[in-house]
Amino acid sequence: MGLQITAALALTLLITVTTCPFFIKRMQLLQYGQQIREDGPASHSGKAGTPTMGGVVFILAAALVSIVLAGRSPLVYALLLVMLGCGLLGFLDDYLKVVYNRSLGLKARSKLAGQIIAAAIFLLILYQQELYSSIIFLPYTNIIIDLGYVYPLFIFLIVTSATNSVNLTDGVDGLAAGIAVIAMSGYVYIAWLSGKAEAAVFAAALVGGCLGFLVYNRNPAKIFMGDAGSLALGGAFAALAVLTKSELLLIIIGGVFVIETLSVIAQVASFQLFGRRIFRMSPLHHHFELQGWSEWRVVKTFWAAAAAFTLLGMFAYNLQLR
């Protein structure tokens, strides 16, 4: 299975690298370019019109490779369902933005409803395949908690939180894709240790896809992943966390995603309660940009933080298995 994991990474990397140029040209011909928020950093105004929806390329490539190399497993189909379901929501959101030439696509309640539906179907598959377990492990402790009937609500929370967190982080060239490579590599390791080799193949395929995408998404980006990519990645992280029984470890491994989300929550809460902002702009990466950091400096710093969080999560999972 180790060979399949390596092959999954290499194949998805190759497919993404060779397919992206054609996708970029097609998006340019259709004039499907990114709409830039008016309240975003002024330095981002030059990014307007950059082809978007690039997540379609590496998500579909990862799905294809996963099916070819490990597709007979119900576990893989469960992972694909959540990833593709959330990715479809993102695609619809992107499509509405580019077709109607606006920075907002699907309404928040429509996204939430779609995420809940994807999580509910995922739950049904877990039940049917006897993969369901309401037990969760507290990281760095020997404490095990059975959430019982509350666990389905916990899964809904994981799916919605993960998808939105990755989405919020996708705001600087190469930032979300690079963090996804690092954090998803951690899940290759965790899935392998947990005995779910098919999930490791799935995670490796996403690592390869994100690496291939970075070739064109690094600064200055030739294409953005859009919500089609960020929501799909969030769904994949959530599903992997549930299937490997590392639900709470996702908070550690996805530490940068969590911090980005908390920065938005803190900013909104502070402004509504006290009429003042904590950060110059949220999510947090924009704050550092307005502090004078270059995009590349922001990306390097956040990648380093992601590597540290991922190592901490992998270490915690080793302790959990003892």
C-alpha atoms as a PDB file:
ATOM      1  CA  MET A   1       0.000   0.000   0.000  1.00  0.00           C
ATOM      2  CA  GLY A   2       3.009   2.281   0.478  1.00  0.00           C
ATOM      3  CA  LEU A   3       3.554   2.160  -3.275  1.00  0.00           C
ATOM      4  CA  GLN A   4      -0.079   3.146  -3.862  1.00  0.00           C
ATOM      5  CA  ILE A   5       0.292   6.138  -1.548  1.00  0.00           C
ATOM      6  CA  THR A   6       3.374   7.317  -3.445  1.00  0.00           C
ATOM      7  CA  ALA A   7       1.659   6.684  -6.770  1.00  0.00           C
ATOM      8  CA  ALA A   8      -1.419   8.632  -5.661  1.00  0.00           C
ATOM      9  CA  LEU A   9       0.694  11.681  -4.834  1.00  0.00           C
ATOM     10  CA  ALA A  10       2.750  11.472  -8.017  1.00  0.00           C
ATOM     11  CA  LEU A  11      -0.170  10.855 -10.374  1.00  0.00           C
ATOM     12  CA  THR A  12      -2.335  13.650  -9.003  1.00  0.00           C
ATOM     13  CA  LEU A  13       0.635  16.008  -9.091  1.00  0.00           C
ATOM     14  CA  LEU A  14       1.277  15.119 -12.734  1.00  0.00           C
ATOM     15  CA  ILE A  15      -2.378  15.417 -13.781  1.00  0.00           C
ATOM     16  CA  THR A  16      -2.777  18.779 -12.054  1.00  0.00           C
ATOM     17  CA  VAL A  17       0.432  20.276 -13.439  1.00  0.00           C
ATOM     18  CA  THR A  18      -0.381  19.222 -17.003  1.00  0.00           C
ATOM     19  CA  THR A  19      -4.091  20.112 -16.888  1.00  0.00           C
ATOM     20  CA  CYS A  20      -3.961  23.529 -15.205  1.00  0.00           C
ATOM     21  CA  PRO A  21      -2.596  25.440 -18.241  1.00  0.00           C
ATOM     22  CA  PHE A  22      -5.552  24.306 -20.365  1.00  0.00           C
ATOM     23  CA  PHE A  23      -7.987  25.162 -17.576  1.00  0.00           C
ATOM     24  CA  ILE A  24      -6.433  28.626 -17.172  1.00  0.00           C
ATOM     25  CA  LYS A  25      -6.763  29.341 -20.894  1.00  0.00           C
ATOM     26  CA  ARG A  26     -10.372  28.165 -20.857  1.00  0.00           C
ATOM     27  CA  MET A  27     -11.235  30.400 -17.910  1.00  0.00           C
ATOM     28  CA  GLN A  28      -9.568  33.331 -19.657  1.00  0.00           C
ATOM     29  CA  LEU A  29     -11.604  32.731 -22.815  1.00  0.00           C
ATOM     30  CA  LEU A  30     -14.805  32.583 -20.765  1.00  0.00           C
ATOM     31  CA  GLN A  31     -13.651  35.631 -18.784  1.00  0.00           C
ATOM     32  CA  TYR A  32     -14.294  33.782 -15.536  1.00  0.00           C
ATOM     33  CA  GLY A  33     -12.076  35.939 -13.359  1.00  0.00           C
ATOM     34  CA  GLN A  34     -11.871  36.586  -9.639  1.00  0.00           C
ATOM     35  CA  GLN A  35     -13.989  39.372  -8.199  1.00  0.00           C
ATOM     36  CA  ILE A  36     -12.037  41.314  -5.572  1.00  0.00           C
ATOM     37  CA  ARG A  37     -13.758  42.555  -2.409  1.00  0.00           C
ATOM     38  CA  GLU A  38     -13.973  46.337  -2.282  1.00  0.00           C
ATOM     39  CA  ASP A  39     -13.068  46.277   1.424  1.00  0.00           C
ATOM     40  CA  GLY A  40      -9.985  44.096   0.854  1.00  0.00           C
ATOM     41  CA  PRO A  41      -6.356  45.281   0.833  1.00  0.00           C
ATOM     42  CA  ALA A  42      -5.678  47.844  -1.895  1.00  0.00           C
ATOM     43  CA  SER A  43      -2.707  45.774  -3.080  1.00  0.00           C
ATOM     44  CA  HIS A  44      -5.115  43.047  -4.177  1.00  0.00           C
ATOM     45  CA  SER A  45      -6.875  45.220  -6.746  1.00  0.00           C
ATOM     46  CA  GLY A  46      -4.423  44.051  -9.408  1.00  0.00           C
ATOM     47  CA  LYS A  47      -5.610  40.469  -8.927  1.00  0.00           C
ATOM     48  CA  ALA A  48      -9.059  41.233 -10.349  1.00  0.00           C
ATOM     49  CA  GLY A  49      -9.792  39.087 -13.371  1.00  0.00           C
ATOM     50  CA  THR A  50      -7.340  36.313 -12.460  1.00  0.00           C
ATOM     51  CA  PRO A  51      -8.928  32.981 -13.482  1.00  0.00           C
ATOM     52  CA  THR A  52     -10.647  31.227 -10.591  1.00  0.00           C
ATOM     53  CA  MET A  53     -12.297  27.868  -9.829  1.00  0.00           C
ATOM     54  CA  GLY A  54      -8.895  26.164 -10.138  1.00  0.00           C
ATOM     55  CA  GLY A  55      -9.859  23.852  -7.317  1.00  0.00           C
ATOM     56  CA  VAL A  56     -11.919  21.927  -9.857  1.00  0.00           C
ATOM     57  CA  VAL A  57      -8.683  20.658 -11.437  1.00  0.00           C
ATOM     58  CA  PHE A  58      -6.916  19.202  -8.417  1.00  0.00           C
ATOM     59  CA  ILE A  59     -10.082  18.033  -6.647  1.00  0.00           C
ATOM     60  CA  LEU A  60     -11.280  16.038  -9.656  1.00  0.00           C
ATOM     61  CA  ALA A  61      -7.745  14.736 -10.245  1.00  0.00           C
ATOM     62  CA  ALA A  62      -7.523  13.558  -6.620  1.00  0.00           C
ATOM     63  CA  ALA A  63     -10.956  11.947  -6.850  1.00  0.00           C
ATOM     64  CA  LEU A  64     -10.052  10.083 -10.055  1.00  0.00           C
ATOM     65  CA  VAL A  65      -6.736   8.825  -8.707  1.00  0.00           C
ATOM     66  CA  SER A  66      -8.344   7.756  -5.411  1.00  0.00           C
ATOM     67  CA  ILE A  67     -10.985   5.744  -7.257  1.00  0.00           C
ATOM     68  CA  VAL A  68      -8.397   4.071  -9.500  1.00  0.00           C
ATOM     69  CA  LEU A  69      -5.997   3.162  -6.694  1.00  0.00           C
ATOM     70  CA  ALA A  70      -8.365   2.515  -3.775  1.00  0.00           C
ATOM     71  CA  GLY A  71     -11.873   2.943  -5.110  1.00  0.00           C
ATOM     72  CA  ARG A  72     -13.287  -0.412  -4.061  1.00  0.00           C
ATOM     73  CA  SER A  73     -13.311   0.676  -0.446  1.00  0.00           C
ATOM     74  CA  PRO A  74     -16.556   2.155   0.980  1.00  0.00           C
ATOM     75  CA  LEU A  75     -14.278   4.299   3.114  1.00  0.00           C
ATOM     76  CA  VAL A  76     -12.943   6.065   0.014  1.00  0.00           C
ATOM     77  CA  TYR A  77     -16.438   6.661  -1.334  1.00  0.00           C
ATOM     78  CA  ALA A  78     -17.428   8.192   1.998  1.00  0.00           C
ATOM     79  CA  LEU A  79     -14.449  10.550   1.809  1.00  0.00           C
ATOM     80  CA  LEU A  80     -15.196  11.434  -1.801  1.00  0.00           C
ATOM     81  CA  LEU A  81     -18.827  12.156  -1.028  1.00  0.00           C
ATOM     82  CA  VAL A  82     -18.009  14.796   1.568  1.00  0.00           C
ATOM     83  CA  MET A  83     -15.203  16.334  -0.479  1.00  0.00           C
ATOM     84  CA  LEU A  84     -17.147  16.466  -3.751  1.00  0.00           C
ATOM     85  CA  GLY A  85     -20.373  17.528  -2.037  1.00  0.00           C
ATOM     86  CA  CYS A  86     -18.685  20.499  -0.398  1.00  0.00           C
ATOM     87  CA  GLY A  87     -16.749  21.165  -3.598  1.00  0.00           C
ATOM     88  CA  LEU A  88     -20.001  21.335  -5.567  1.00  0.00           C
ATOM     89  CA  LEU A  89     -21.285  24.002  -3.174  1.00  0.00           C
ATOM     90  CA  GLY A  90     -18.085  25.934  -3.735  1.00  0.00           C
ATOM     91  CA  PHE A  91     -18.351  25.565  -7.497  1.00  0.00           C
ATOM     92  CA  LEU A  92     -21.898  26.950  -7.469  1.00  0.00           C
ATOM     93  CA  ASP A  93     -20.703  29.836  -5.322  1.00  0.00           C
ATOM     94  CA  ASP A  94     -17.836  30.597  -7.709  1.00  0.00           C
ATOM     95  CA  TYR A  95     -20.076  30.269 -10.757  1.00  0.00           C
ATOM     96  CA  LEU A  96     -22.585  32.791  -9.424  1.00  0.00           C
ATOM     97  CA  LYS A  97     -19.748  35.222  -8.688  1.00  0.00           C
ATOM     98  CA  VAL A  98     -18.183  35.104 -12.146  1.00  0.00           C
ATOM     99  CA  VAL A  99     -21.428  34.949 -14.139  1.00  0.00           C
ATOM    100  CA  TYR A 100     -23.101  37.804 -12.278  1.00  0.00           C
ATOM    101  CA  ASN A 101     -19.830  39.734 -11.831  1.00  0.00           C
ATOM    102  CA  ARG A 102     -20.092  40.123  -8.067  1.00  0.00           C
ATOM    103  CA  SER A 103     -17.950  39.274  -5.032  1.00  0.00           C
ATOM    104  CA  LEU A 104     -20.706  37.291  -3.280  1.00  0.00           C
ATOM    105  CA  GLY A 105     -22.220  34.048  -4.582  1.00  0.00           C
ATOM    106  CA  LEU A 106     -24.415  31.632  -2.664  1.00  0.00           C
ATOM    107  CA  LYS A 107     -26.147  32.948   0.422  1.00  0.00           C
ATOM    108  CA  ALA A 108     -24.675  31.798   3.727  1.00  0.00           C
ATOM    109  CA  ARG A 109     -27.764  29.778   4.634  1.00  0.00           C
ATOM    110  CA  SER A 110     -27.638  27.940   1.301  1.00  0.00           C
ATOM    111  CA  LYS A 111     -24.013  26.961   1.922  1.00  0.00           C
ATOM    112  CA  LEU A 112     -24.837  25.848   5.444  1.00  0.00           C
ATOM    113  CA  ALA A 113     -27.771  23.755   4.244  1.00  0.00           C
ATOM    114  CA  GLY A 114     -25.599  22.059   1.633  1.00  0.00           C
ATOM    115  CA  GLN A 115     -22.860  21.318   4.161  1.00  0.00           C
ATOM    116  CA  ILE A 116     -25.382  19.801   6.565  1.00  0.00           C
ATOM    117  CA  ILE A 117     -26.801  17.592   3.808  1.00  0.00           C
ATOM    118  CA  ALA A 118     -23.306  16.364   2.889  1.00  0.00           C
ATOM    119  CA  ALA A 119     -22.570  15.634   6.565  1.00  0.00           C
ATOM    120  CA  ALA A 120     -25.894  13.786   6.971  1.00  0.00           C
ATOM    121  CA  ILE A 121     -25.231  11.512   3.987  1.00  0.00           C
ATOM    122  CA  PHE A 122     -21.720  10.922   5.325  1.00  0.00           C
ATOM    123  CA  LEU A 123     -23.249   9.843   8.636  1.00  0.00           C
ATOM    124  CA  LEU A 124     -25.551   7.384   6.892  1.00  0.00           C
ATOM    125  CA  ILE A 125     -22.608   5.799   5.084  1.00  0.00           C
ATOM    126  CA  LEU A 126     -20.720   5.485   8.367  1.00  0.00           C
ATOM    127  CA  TYR A 127     -23.706   3.681   9.887  1.00  0.00           C
ATOM    128  CA  GLN A 128     -24.157   1.355   6.930  1.00  0.00           C
ATOM    129  CA  GLN A 129     -20.484   0.417   6.734  1.00  0.00           C
ATOM    130  CA  GLU A 130     -20.144   0.020  10.517  1.00  0.00           C
ATOM    131  CA  LEU A 131     -17.577   2.817  10.628  1.00  0.00           C
ATOM    132  CA  TYR A 132     -19.596   4.920  13.069  1.00  0.00           C
ATOM    133  CA  SER A 133     -18.235   5.527  16.561  1.00  0.00           C
ATOM    134  CA  SER A 134     -19.383   8.246  18.951  1.00  0.00           C
ATOM    135  CA  ILE A 135     -16.170   8.026  20.987  1.00  0.00           C
ATOM    136  CA  ILE A 136     -13.693  10.903  20.820  1.00  0.00           C
ATOM    137  CA  PHE A 137     -10.187  11.178  22.266  1.00  0.00           C
ATOM    138  CA  LEU A 138      -8.854  14.197  24.122  1.00  0.00           C
ATOM    139  CA  PRO A 139      -5.378  15.020  22.716  1.00  0.00           C
ATOM    140  CA  TYR A 140      -2.359  14.494  24.998  1.00  0.00           C
ATOM    141  CA  THR A 141      -4.473  12.679  27.603  1.00  0.00           C
ATOM    142  CA  ASN A 142      -5.841   9.194  28.231  1.00  0.00           C
ATOM    143  CA  ILE A 143      -9.371  10.568  28.436  1.00  0.00           C
ATOM    144  CA  ILE A 144     -12.003   9.059  26.153  1.00  0.00           C
ATOM    145  CA  ILE A 145     -15.478  10.587  25.892  1.00  0.00           C
ATOM    146  CA  ASP A 146     -18.569   8.971  24.413  1.00  0.00           C
ATOM    147  CA  LEU A 147     -20.732  11.731  22.954  1.00  0.00           C
ATOM    148  CA  GLY A 148     -23.606   9.321  22.329  1.00  0.00           C
ATOM    149  CA  TYR A 149     -26.546  10.947  20.556  1.00  0.00           C
ATOM    150  CA  VAL A 150     -24.721  14.282  20.440  1.00  0.00           C
ATOM    151  CA  TYR A 151     -22.040  12.910  18.112  1.00  0.00           C
ATOM    152  CA  PRO A 152     -24.005  13.505  14.852  1.00  0.00           C
ATOM    153  CA  LEU A 153     -24.274  17.192  15.786  1.00  0.00           C
ATOM    154  CA  PHE A 154     -20.541  17.127  16.451  1.00  0.00           C
ATOM    155  CA  ILE A 155     -19.928  15.843  12.915  1.00  0.00           C
ATOM    156  CA  PHE A 156     -22.093  18.630  11.483  1.00  0.00           C
ATOM    157  CA  LEU A 157     -19.991  21.119  13.438  1.00  0.00           C
ATOM    158  CA  ILE A 158     -16.722  19.615  12.173  1.00  0.00           C
ATOM    159  CA  VAL A 159     -17.812  19.706   8.517  1.00  0.00           C
ATOM    160  CA  THR A 160     -19.147  23.270   8.605  1.00  0.00           C
ATOM    161  CA  SER A 161     -16.217  24.578  10.660  1.00  0.00           C
ATOM    162  CA  ALA A 162     -13.533  22.922   8.528  1.00  0.00           C
ATOM    163  CA  THR A 163     -14.989  24.046   5.211  1.00  0.00           C
ATOM    164  CA  ASN A 164     -15.444  27.649   6.298  1.00  0.00           C
ATOM    165  CA  SER A 165     -12.020  27.799   7.976  1.00  0.00           C
ATOM    166  CA  VAL A 166     -10.151  26.731   4.845  1.00  0.00           C
ATOM    167  CA  ASN A 167     -12.282  29.126   2.822  1.00  0.00           C
ATOM    168  CA  LEU A 168     -11.350  32.078   5.055  1.00  0.00           C
ATOM    169  CA  THR A 169      -7.644  31.225   4.769  1.00  0.00           C
ATOM    170  CA  ASP A 170      -7.716  31.306   0.963  1.00  0.00           C
ATOM    171  CA  GLY A 171      -6.902  34.990   0.574  1.00  0.00           C
ATOM    172  CA  VAL A 172      -3.218  35.243  -0.387  1.00  0.00           C
ATOM    173  CA  ASP A 173      -1.418  33.584  -3.312  1.00  0.00           C
ATOM    174  CA  GLY A 174      -0.382  30.063  -2.343  1.00  0.00           C
ATOM    175  CA  LEU A 175      -1.457  30.374   1.301  1.00  0.00           C
ATOM    176  CA  ALA A 176      -4.340  27.891   1.561  1.00  0.00           C
ATOM    177  CA  ALA A 177      -2.866  25.432  -0.956  1.00  0.00           C
ATOM    178  CA  GLY A 178       0.489  25.341   0.834  1.00  0.00           C
ATOM    179  CA  ILE A 179      -1.069  24.883   4.268  1.00  0.00           C
ATOM    180  CA  ALA A 180      -3.260  22.138   2.822  1.00  0.00           C
ATOM    181  CA  VAL A 181      -0.156  20.305   1.527  1.00  0.00           C
ATOM    182  CA  ILE A 182       1.389  20.398   5.004  1.00  0.00           C
ATOM    183  CA  ALA A 183      -1.708  19.531   7.034  1.00  0.00           C
ATOM    184  CA  MET A 184      -2.881  16.866   4.570  1.00  0.00           C
ATOM    185  CA  SER A 185       0.561  15.240   4.747  1.00  0.00           C
ATOM    186  CA  GLY A 186      -0.119  14.862   8.453  1.00  0.00           C
ATOM    187  CA  TYR A 187      -3.308  13.009   7.604  1.00  0.00           C
ATOM    188  CA  VAL A 188      -1.451  10.685   5.255  1.00  0.00           C
ATOM    189  CA  TYR A 189       0.604   9.684   8.302  1.00  0.00           C
ATOM    190  CA  ILE A 190      -2.395   9.478  10.648  1.00  0.00           C
ATOM    191  CA  ALA A 191      -4.508   7.456   8.219  1.00  0.00           C
ATOM    192  CA  TRP A 192      -1.612   5.039   7.710  1.00  0.00           C
ATOM    193  CA  LEU A 193      -1.100   4.608  11.464  1.00  0.00           C
ATOM    194  CA  SER A 194      -4.821   4.098  12.038  1.00  0.00           C
ATOM    195  CA  GLY A 195      -4.838   1.139   9.633  1.00  0.00           C
ATOM    196  CA  LYS A 196      -6.965   2.933   7.052  1.00  0.00           C
ATOM    197  CA  ALA A 197      -4.575   2.727   4.129  1.00  0.00           C
ATOM    198  CA  GLU A 198      -7.259   3.705   1.605  1.00  0.00           C
ATOM    199  CA  ALA A 199      -7.732   6.998   3.455  1.00  0.00           C
ATOM    200  CA  ALA A 200      -3.965   7.510   3.298  1.00  0.00           C
ATOM    201  CA  VAL A 201      -4.137   7.080  -0.495  1.00  0.00           C
ATOM    202  CA  PHE A 202      -6.946   9.656  -0.646  1.00  0.00           C
ATOM    203  CA  ALA A 203      -4.981  12.140   1.490  1.00  0.00           C
ATOM    204  CA  ALA A 204      -1.815  11.576  -0.566  1.00  0.00           C
ATOM    205  CA  ALA A 205      -3.740  12.290  -3.754  1.00  0.00           C
ATOM    206  CA  LEU A 206      -4.824  15.633  -2.307  1.00  0.00           C
ATOM    207  CA  VAL A 207      -1.238  16.430  -1.288  1.00  0.00           C
ATOM    208  CA  GLY A 208      -0.142  15.823  -4.870  1.00  0.00           C
ATOM    209  CA  GLY A 209      -3.018  17.862  -6.251  1.00  0.00           C
ATOM    210  CA  CYS A 210      -2.297  20.855  -4.025  1.00  0.00           C
ATOM    211  CA  LEU A 211       1.425  20.656  -4.842  1.00  0.00           C
ATOM    212  CA  GLY A 212       0.636  20.685  -8.550  1.00  0.00           C
ATOM    213  CA  PHE A 213      -1.758  23.564  -8.089  1.00  0.00           C
ATOM    214  CA  LEU A 214       0.902  25.577  -6.234  1.00  0.00           C
ATOM    215  CA  VAL A 215       2.959  25.664  -9.432  1.00  0.00           C
ATOM    216  CA  TYR A 216       0.348  28.095 -10.801  1.00  0.00           C
ATOM    217  CA  ASN A 217      -1.062  29.514  -7.554  1.00  0.00           C
ATOM    218  CA  ARG A 218       2.197  30.770  -6.018  1.00  0.00           C
ATOM    219  CA  ASN A 219       2.770  34.513  -6.122  1.00  0.00           C
ATOM    220  CA  PRO A 220       1.985  36.013  -8.573  1.00  0.00           C
ATOM    221  CA  ALA A 221      -0.900  33.578  -8.978  1.00  0.00           C
ATOM    222  CA  LYS A 222      -2.001  32.618 -12.462  1.00  0.00           C
ATOM    223  CA  ILE A 223      -5.156  31.020 -11.034  1.00  0.00           C
ATOM    224  CA  PHE A 224      -7.069  30.869  -7.749  1.00  0.00           C
ATOM    225  CA  MET A 225      -8.622  27.730  -6.274  1.00  0.00           C
ATOM    226  CA  GLY A 226     -11.898  29.512  -5.485  1.00  0.00           C
ATOM    227  CA  ASP A 227     -14.541  28.125  -3.177  1.00  0.00           C
ATOM    228  CA  ALA A 228     -14.639  25.011  -5.355  1.00  0.00           C
ATOM    229  CA  GLY A 229     -11.235  24.119  -3.964  1.00  0.00           C
ATOM    230  CA  SER A 230     -11.333  25.559  -0.443  1.00  0.00           C
ATOM    231  CA  LEU A 231     -14.715  24.088   0.541  1.00  0.00           C
ATOM    232  CA  ALA A 232     -13.756  20.716  -0.933  1.00  0.00           C
ATOM    233  CA  LEU A 233     -10.486  20.688   1.020  1.00  0.00           C
ATOM    234  CA  GLY A 234     -12.318  21.577   4.210  1.00  0.00           C
ATOM    235  CA  GLY A 235     -14.763  18.739   3.649  1.00  0.00           C
ATOM    236  CA  ALA A 236     -11.870  16.336   3.037  1.00  0.00           C
ATOM    237  CA  PHE A 237     -10.142  17.367   6.278  1.00  0.00           C
ATOM    238  CA  ALA A 238     -13.366  16.919   8.235  1.00  0.00           C
ATOM    239  CA  ALA A 239     -14.089  13.470   6.779  1.00  0.00           C
ATOM    240  CA  LEU A 240     -10.524  12.276   7.384  1.00  0.00           C
ATOM    241  CA  ALA A 241     -10.656  13.477  10.985  1.00  0.00           C
ATOM    242  CA  VAL A 242     -13.869  11.559  11.622  1.00  0.00           C
ATOM    243  CA  LEU A 243     -12.757   8.351   9.940  1.00  0.00           C
ATOM    244  CA  THR A 244      -9.388   8.265  11.707  1.00  0.00           C
ATOM    245  CA  LYS A 245     -10.922   9.206  15.089  1.00  0.00           C
ATOM    246  CA  SER A 246      -8.796  12.331  15.285  1.00  0.00           C
ATOM    247  CA  GLU A 247     -11.665  14.814  15.421  1.00  0.00           C
ATOM    248  CA  LEU A 248     -10.149  17.068  18.077  1.00  0.00           C
ATOM    249  CA  LEU A 249      -6.684  16.728  16.578  1.00  0.00           C
ATOM    250  CA  LEU A 250      -8.001  18.544  13.515  1.00  0.00           C
ATOM    251  CA  ILE A 251      -8.019  21.675  15.678  1.00  0.00           C
ATOM    252  CA  ILE A 252      -4.271  21.229  16.191  1.00  0.00           C
ATOM    253  CA  ILE A 253      -3.278  20.059  12.715  1.00  0.00           C
ATOM    254  CA  GLY A 254      -5.434  22.762  11.154  1.00  0.00           C
ATOM    255  CA  GLY A 255      -4.196  25.292  13.699  1.00  0.00           C
ATOM    256  CA  VAL A 256      -3.597  28.028  11.133  1.00  0.00           C
ATOM    257  CA  PHE A 257      -7.102  27.581   9.734  1.00  0.00           C
ATOM    258  CA  VAL A 258      -8.481  27.819  13.286  1.00  0.00           C
ATOM    259  CA  ILE A 259      -6.503  30.974  14.088  1.00  0.00           C
ATOM    260  CA  GLU A 260      -7.662  32.618  10.862  1.00  0.00           C
ATOM    261  CA  THR A 261     -11.281  31.855  11.761  1.00  0.00           C
ATOM    262  CA  LEU A 262     -10.890  33.068  15.345  1.00  0.00           C
ATOM    263  CA  SER A 263      -9.405  36.321  14.054  1.00  0.00           C
ATOM    264  CA  VAL A 264     -12.598  36.960  12.076  1.00  0.00           C
ATOM    265  CA  ILE A 265     -14.841  36.059  15.017  1.00  0.00           C
ATOM    266  CA  ALA A 266     -12.834  38.267  17.387  1.00  0.00           C
ATOM    267  CA  GLN A 267     -12.846  41.164  14.917  1.00  0.00           C
ATOM    268  CA  VAL A 268     -16.616  41.062  14.419  1.00  0.00           C
ATOM    269  CA  ALA A 269     -17.357  40.583  18.132  1.00  0.00           C
ATOM    270  CA  SER A 270     -15.062  43.432  19.169  1.00  0.00           C
ATOM    271  CA  PHE A 271     -16.552  45.821  16.638  1.00  0.00           C
ATOM    272  CA  GLN A 272     -20.150  44.980  17.537  1.00  0.00           C
ATOM    273  CA  LEU A 273     -19.594  45.079  21.312  1.00  0.00           C
ATOM    274  CA  PHE A 274     -17.067  47.886  21.667  1.00  0.00           C
ATOM    275  CA  GLY A 275     -17.098  49.685  18.316  1.00  0.00           C
ATOM    276  CA  ARG A 276     -13.399  49.068  17.735  1.00  0.00           C
ATOM    277  CA  ARG A 277     -11.325  46.588  15.723  1.00  0.00           C
ATOM    278  CA  ILE A 278      -8.636  44.302  17.129  1.00  0.00           C
ATOM    279  CA  PHE A 279      -6.853  43.829  13.814  1.00  0.00           C
ATOM    280  CA  ARG A 280      -6.296  46.235  10.960  1.00  0.00           C
ATOM    281  CA  MET A 281      -8.222  43.732   8.835  1.00  0.00           C
ATOM    282  CA  SER A 282      -9.364  40.121   9.147  1.00  0.00           C
ATOM    283  CA  PRO A 283      -8.715  37.292   8.441  1.00  0.00           C
ATOM    284  CA  LEU A 284      -5.344  37.546  10.142  1.00  0.00           C
ATOM    285  CA  HIS A 285      -3.223  37.316   6.976  1.00  0.00           C
ATOM    286  CA  HIS A 286      -4.673  40.632   5.799  1.00  0.00           C
ATOM    287  CA  HIS A 287      -3.656  42.264   9.095  1.00  0.00           C
ATOM    288  CA  PHE A 288      -0.021  41.387   8.447  1.00  0.00           C
ATOM    289  CA  GLU A 289      -0.273  42.604   4.857  1.00  0.00           C
ATOM    290  CA  LEU A 290      -1.473  45.990   6.088  1.00  0.00           C
ATOM    291  CA  GLN A 291       1.382  45.977   8.581  1.00  0.00           C
ATOM    292  CA  GLY A 292       3.707  46.063   5.584  1.00  0.00           C
ATOM    293  CA  TRP A 293       4.512  42.368   5.184  1.00  0.00           C
ATOM    294  CA  SER A 294       4.885  41.124   1.626  1.00  0.00           C
ATOM    295  CA  GLU A 295       2.558  38.334   0.514  1.00  0.00           C
ATOM    296  CA  TRP A 296       5.502  35.948   0.353  1.00  0.00           C
ATOM    297  CA  ARG A 297       6.518  36.763   3.929  1.00  0.00           C
ATOM    298  CA  VAL A 298       2.968  36.118   5.128  1.00  0.00           C
ATOM    299  CA  VAL A 299       2.841  32.826   3.256  1.00  0.00           C
ATOM    300  CA  LYS A 300       6.235  31.605   4.518  1.00  0.00           C
ATOM    301  CA  THR A 301       5.369  32.470   8.111  1.00  0.00           C
ATOM    302  CA  PHE A 302       1.983  30.792   7.975  1.00  0.00           C
ATOM    303  CA  TRP A 303       3.442  27.709   6.265  1.00  0.00           C
ATOM    304  CA  ALA A 304       6.015  27.417   9.054  1.00  0.00           C
ATOM    305  CA  ALA A 305       3.255  27.667  11.652  1.00  0.00           C
ATOM    306  CA  ALA A 306       1.264  25.015   9.782  1.00  0.00           C
ATOM    307  CA  ALA A 307       4.268  22.666   9.845  1.00  0.00           C
ATOM    308  CA  ALA A 308       4.630  23.130  13.599  1.00  0.00           C
ATOM    309  CA  PHE A 309       0.929  22.496  14.221  1.00  0.00           C
ATOM    310  CA  THR A 310       0.970  19.405  12.005  1.00  0.00           C
ATOM    311  CA  LEU A 311       3.947  17.924  13.848  1.00  0.00           C
ATOM    312  CA  LEU A 312       2.209  18.551  17.167  1.00  0.00           C
ATOM    313  CA  GLY A 313      -0.896  16.787  15.876  1.00  0.00           C
ATOM    314  CA  MET A 314       1.065  13.802  14.581  1.00  0.00           C
ATOM    315  CA  PHE A 315       2.830  13.494  17.933  1.00  0.00           C
ATOM    316  CA  ALA A 316      -0.514  13.630  19.748  1.00  0.00           C
ATOM    317  CA  TYR A 317      -1.913  10.868  17.540  1.00  0.00           C
ATOM    318  CA  ASN A 318       1.061   8.650  18.387  1.00  0.00           C
ATOM    319  CA  LEU A 319       0.250   9.138  22.060  1.00  0.00           C
ATOM    320  CA  GLN A 320      -3.408   8.317  21.380  1.00  0.00           C
ATOM    321  CA  LEU A 321      -2.511   4.933  19.920  1.00  0.00           C
ATOM    322  CA  ARG A 322      -0.483   3.847  22.961  1.00  0.00           C
END
